Structure formats: structure tokens, C-alpha cells
Amino acid sequence: MEDNYFTGNLPGELVHLKRLRLLNLTSNNFMGPIPFWLGSMSKLELLILSFNSFTGSLPPLLFSNLTNLKALAMRNNSIQGPIPKEIGNLKKLMFLDLQYNQISGSIPNTIYNLSLLELLGLSKNNLSENIPYDLCHFSPRLYGIFLSDNQFVGHIPTSLHECSHLQTLSVAFNKLTGSIANYIGNLTFLRTLELHENKFSGITLLCPIIVHFSRF
């Protein structure tokens, strides 16, 4: 159903498709709040709602029962409010893309429950506070971390070296401070490192990667 001209709210009749495993509504013009009843479609493994006009906040009930979900993508909408702590219920989740919205608050510590997570996309939101320090300790499979264009403060997580297959780290346009730890040079799969427009001091890198860096 992607790349069509569907408009309006999601039809409630979809809730009756109890065996549905993939729902891809990318690139339409659906609007209104994301319906909580999507959370009752417990067989879903992929839920893709990107490039629409959804508004409102992420309903906690959406994350309560979707325990089989492997991919959740809602980028390029107008979603507001916090990331519900119930996201920690999605223990099979491998792909999370909520980029280009207006999501605020902090990343809940329940994200530590997502041990299979491989891509975390939260760039271009209004998220704040610290990046979870033990992110890579609990999600060591991460190969892409996209956190740029938010309001994060504090240091880059010290657990970063535990994401041994990390290919992209994007934390540009935040308010991060401190020095860049030498262990980043040991991330031999890293190809893109975006650090610019923060308040870092000092940098020592030991591997050939693309670096965007600004002290001020």
C-alpha cells in the first residue's frame, strides 16, 4: 500500500487483520494520530508508516503487545511528545527509525531491553538529556546510530566500543561535551563519524574514517 494517494485517518477495519505480519503505508498522506489499536495486531513484524502526515504522540498501547515487531519506521511525520517507556517491550526489534519528527524528552532507559537492535534512527527531533550511557552494552549489534539535530547533552556513551560492528555514528548538531575517546579508533567497521556542531574538546582518531568535527 506504499506510494499511493491514500488520505485521511487509518481505517479502523485494519484492526481485524489479526494475522497480518507486514503493514507498509509509506509515502501516502495519512494524517491524524497514530491509532492505539495498531497495538492489538500482535502478529506484526514490520510496521512502516514513514513519509505521511501523522500527528500527536506515540501511544503507549502501541508498544504493549507488538512483541513480534522487528522493524518500526515512522520517519518524516509530525509526531510529538516523548518516546513511551513501553518501547522496551519490543524485545525482537532490530530496526527503529523515528527520524524527522518532533519527538521530545529523553531516550527512556527501557531501550536497554532492545538487545537485538541494529539501527537506531532518532535524528531531527527535539530529544534532550543524555544519550543512554550503556546503549552499546545492551545493544551490541548496532551498526547505525543516528542522533543528530537534537538537544542531547553530556558525553558520548562510554559503552560505544562494545558496538564492534558500528558503521555510522551521527551525533552532529547537539550540545555534547567532553573529549573524543581513543577507543573510537578501534571501531574498525566505522565509515561515517559525524561530530560537528557540538562542544567537544580534543580528538585522537586511529582509523581512516570520514570525520566532521567542530570544537565550537
Protein backbone atom coordinates (compact mmCIF):
# COMPACT_ATOMS: atom_id res chain seq x y z
CA MET A 1 0.00 0.00 0.00
CA GLU A 2 3.02 2.27 -0.12
CA ASP A 3 3.46 5.10 -2.65
CA ASN A 4 -0.21 5.80 -3.23
CA TYR A 5 -2.55 8.73 -2.68
CA PHE A 6 -4.37 7.48 0.40
CA THR A 7 -5.51 10.30 2.69
CA GLY A 8 -7.33 10.76 5.98
CA ASN A 9 -7.12 8.62 9.10
CA LEU A 10 -6.12 4.98 9.05
CA PRO A 11 -9.26 2.88 8.55
CA GLY A 12 -10.23 1.11 11.74
CA GLU A 13 -11.15 -2.01 9.78
CA LEU A 14 -7.45 -2.88 9.62
CA VAL A 15 -7.66 -3.99 13.23
CA HIS A 16 -9.46 -7.14 12.11
CA LEU A 17 -6.40 -8.38 10.17
CA LYS A 18 -5.12 -10.33 13.14
CA ARG A 19 -2.67 -12.45 11.12
CA LEU A 20 -1.03 -9.54 9.31
CA ARG A 21 2.76 -9.58 9.58
CA LEU A 22 3.71 -6.61 7.38
CA LEU A 23 1.95 -3.24 7.20
CA ASN A 24 3.74 -0.78 4.91
CA LEU A 25 1.94 2.54 4.35
CA THR A 26 4.98 4.60 3.35
CA SER A 27 4.59 7.70 1.18
CA ASN A 28 0.90 8.41 1.41
CA ASN A 29 -0.96 11.27 3.02
CA PHE A 30 -2.43 9.59 6.07
CA MET A 31 -3.00 12.05 8.89
CA GLY A 32 -4.28 12.32 12.41
CA PRO A 33 -2.93 10.46 15.45
CA ILE A 34 -1.36 7.04 15.17
CA PRO A 35 -4.21 4.76 16.31
CA PHE A 36 -3.66 2.81 19.51
CA TRP A 37 -5.48 -0.19 18.05
CA LEU A 38 -2.43 -0.97 15.91
CA GLY A 39 -1.05 -2.38 19.14
CA SER A 40 -3.60 -5.19 19.05
CA MET A 41 -2.18 -6.56 15.78
CA SER A 42 0.16 -8.80 17.71
CA LYS A 43 1.44 -10.77 14.69
CA LEU A 44 3.01 -7.69 13.08
CA GLU A 45 6.73 -7.98 12.39
CA LEU A 46 7.17 -4.85 10.25
CA LEU A 47 5.23 -1.61 10.78
CA ILE A 48 6.22 1.11 8.29
CA LEU A 49 4.37 4.45 8.46
CA SER A 50 7.07 6.78 7.15
CA PHE A 51 6.50 9.82 4.91
CA ASN A 52 2.95 10.61 5.91
CA SER A 53 1.31 13.40 7.94
CA PHE A 54 0.66 11.66 11.24
CA THR A 55 0.42 13.94 14.27
CA GLY A 56 0.05 13.57 18.00
CA SER A 57 2.12 11.42 20.32
CA LEU A 58 3.22 7.80 20.21
CA PRO A 59 0.51 5.80 22.03
CA PRO A 60 1.99 3.60 24.79
CA LEU A 61 -0.53 0.87 23.92
CA LEU A 62 1.13 0.60 20.52
CA PHE A 63 4.17 -0.95 22.17
CA SER A 64 2.46 -3.08 24.77
CA ASN A 65 1.51 -6.08 22.63
CA LEU A 66 3.64 -5.89 19.46
CA THR A 67 6.15 -8.32 20.88
CA ASN A 68 6.93 -9.82 17.45
CA LEU A 69 7.84 -6.49 15.87
CA LYS A 70 11.26 -6.45 14.16
CA ALA A 71 11.08 -3.11 12.32
CA LEU A 72 9.31 0.12 13.26
CA ALA A 73 9.64 3.10 10.92
CA MET A 74 7.72 6.37 11.30
CA ARG A 75 10.18 8.89 9.88
CA ASN A 76 9.08 12.13 8.24
CA ASN A 77 5.81 12.72 10.03
CA SER A 78 4.80 15.33 12.64
CA ILE A 79 4.82 13.10 15.70
CA GLN A 80 5.27 14.90 19.02
CA GLY A 81 5.71 14.02 22.66
CA PRO A 82 8.05 11.51 24.33
CA ILE A 83 9.15 8.01 23.41
CA PRO A 84 6.99 5.82 25.69
CA LYS A 85 8.86 3.65 28.16
CA GLU A 86 6.79 0.75 26.82
CA ILE A 87 9.11 0.62 23.82
CA GLY A 88 11.16 -1.72 25.97
CA ASN A 89 8.51 -4.39 25.35
CA LEU A 90 9.65 -4.74 21.71
CA LYS A 91 12.42 -7.19 22.54
CA LYS A 92 12.67 -8.53 18.97
CA LEU A 93 13.09 -5.07 17.45
CA MET A 94 16.04 -4.72 15.09
CA PHE A 95 15.23 -1.50 13.21
CA LEU A 96 13.88 1.70 14.81
CA ASP A 97 13.53 4.80 12.64
CA LEU A 98 11.69 7.79 14.10
CA GLN A 99 13.76 10.47 12.35
CA TYR A 100 12.37 13.80 11.13
CA ASN A 101 9.59 14.26 13.65
CA GLN A 102 9.09 16.50 16.69
CA ILE A 103 9.64 13.89 19.40
CA SER A 104 10.80 15.38 22.70
CA GLY A 105 12.03 14.30 26.12
CA SER A 106 14.77 11.77 26.75
CA ILE A 107 15.50 8.31 25.39
CA PRO A 108 13.94 6.03 28.02
CA ASN A 109 16.24 3.58 29.77
CA THR A 110 13.89 0.79 28.73
CA ILE A 111 15.66 0.94 25.37
CA TYR A 112 18.22 -1.27 27.11
CA ASN A 113 15.75 -4.12 26.61
CA LEU A 114 16.29 -3.99 22.84
CA SER A 115 19.29 -6.31 22.73
CA LEU A 116 18.75 -7.21 19.04
CA LEU A 117 18.65 -3.59 17.84
CA GLU A 118 20.82 -2.94 14.78
CA LEU A 119 19.72 0.54 13.69
CA LEU A 120 18.65 3.42 15.92
CA GLY A 121 17.38 6.43 13.98
CA LEU A 122 16.29 9.43 16.06
CA SER A 123 17.86 12.35 14.16
CA LYS A 124 15.95 15.58 13.50
CA ASN A 125 13.79 15.61 16.62
CA ASN A 126 13.73 17.60 19.88
CA LEU A 127 15.21 14.94 22.14
CA SER A 128 17.29 16.09 25.10
CA GLU A 129 19.23 15.00 28.18
CA ASN A 130 21.97 12.35 27.94
CA ILE A 131 22.41 9.65 25.35
CA PRO A 132 21.99 6.39 27.34
CA TYR A 133 25.48 5.55 28.63
CA ASP A 134 25.14 1.77 28.31
CA LEU A 135 23.49 1.80 24.89
CA CYS A 136 26.09 -0.39 23.21
CA HIS A 137 26.46 -2.65 26.22
CA PHE A 138 22.84 -3.73 25.94
CA SER A 139 22.54 -3.36 22.13
CA PRO A 140 25.95 -4.52 20.86
CA ARG A 141 24.61 -5.36 17.36
CA LEU A 142 24.09 -1.70 16.45
CA TYR A 143 25.63 -0.77 13.11
CA GLY A 144 23.92 2.61 12.72
CA ILE A 145 23.32 5.26 15.40
CA PHE A 146 21.63 8.41 14.07
CA LEU A 147 21.09 11.04 16.78
CA SER A 148 21.99 14.29 15.03
CA ASP A 149 19.96 17.51 15.20
CA ASN A 150 18.58 17.13 18.70
CA GLN A 151 19.41 18.74 22.06
CA PHE A 152 21.48 15.98 23.65
CA VAL A 153 23.98 16.98 26.34
CA GLY A 154 26.75 15.20 28.20
CA HIS A 155 29.37 12.85 26.73
CA ILE A 156 29.33 10.24 24.02
CA PRO A 157 28.48 6.93 25.76
CA THR A 158 31.50 5.13 27.15
CA SER A 159 30.00 1.82 26.03
CA LEU A 160 30.43 2.75 22.37
CA HIS A 161 33.38 0.42 21.90
CA GLU A 162 31.06 -2.53 22.58
CA CYS A 163 29.28 -1.85 19.26
CA SER A 164 32.11 -3.56 17.42
CA HIS A 165 30.30 -3.56 14.04
CA LEU A 166 29.28 0.09 14.14
CA GLN A 167 29.41 1.68 10.68
CA THR A 168 27.78 5.06 11.25
CA LEU A 169 27.75 7.32 14.30
CA SER A 170 25.95 10.59 13.70
CA VAL A 171 25.63 12.94 16.67
CA ALA A 172 26.12 16.30 14.92
CA PHE A 173 24.18 19.42 15.91
CA ASN A 174 23.71 18.65 19.58
CA LYS A 175 25.21 20.06 22.79
CA LEU A 176 27.63 17.25 23.57
CA THR A 177 30.80 18.00 25.52
CA GLY A 178 33.99 16.32 26.66
CA SER A 179 36.74 14.67 24.66
CA ILE A 180 36.56 12.04 21.96
CA ALA A 181 37.78 8.79 23.46
CA ASN A 182 40.61 6.91 21.76
CA TYR A 183 38.58 3.71 21.61
CA ILE A 184 36.61 5.17 18.68
CA GLY A 185 39.74 4.45 16.67
CA ASN A 186 39.25 0.75 17.37
CA LEU A 187 35.84 0.65 15.67
CA THR A 188 37.29 -0.82 12.51
CA PHE A 189 33.95 -1.05 10.66
CA LEU A 190 33.22 2.65 11.17
CA ARG A 191 32.80 4.54 7.91
CA THR A 192 30.99 7.73 8.88
CA LEU A 193 31.55 9.73 12.06
CA GLU A 194 29.61 12.99 12.29
CA LEU A 195 30.53 15.10 15.30
CA HIS A 196 30.28 18.68 14.05
CA GLU A 197 28.38 21.48 15.79
CA ASN A 198 28.90 20.25 19.34
CA LYS A 199 31.22 21.42 22.12
CA PHE A 200 33.84 18.68 22.08
CA SER A 201 37.45 19.30 23.05
CA GLY A 202 40.38 17.21 21.88
CA ILE A 203 40.31 14.44 19.32
CA THR A 204 42.54 11.48 18.56
CA LEU A 205 41.45 9.07 15.84
CA LEU A 206 43.32 5.95 14.84
CA CYS A 207 41.42 4.68 11.78
CA PRO A 208 40.56 6.03 8.29
CA ILE A 209 37.00 7.31 8.59
CA ILE A 210 35.07 10.32 7.40
CA VAL A 211 35.11 12.88 10.19
CA HIS A 212 33.12 16.09 10.57
CA PHE A 213 34.35 17.80 13.74
CA SER A 214 33.94 21.23 15.26
CA ARG A 215 35.04 22.37 18.68
CA PHE A 216 32.54 25.20 18.86
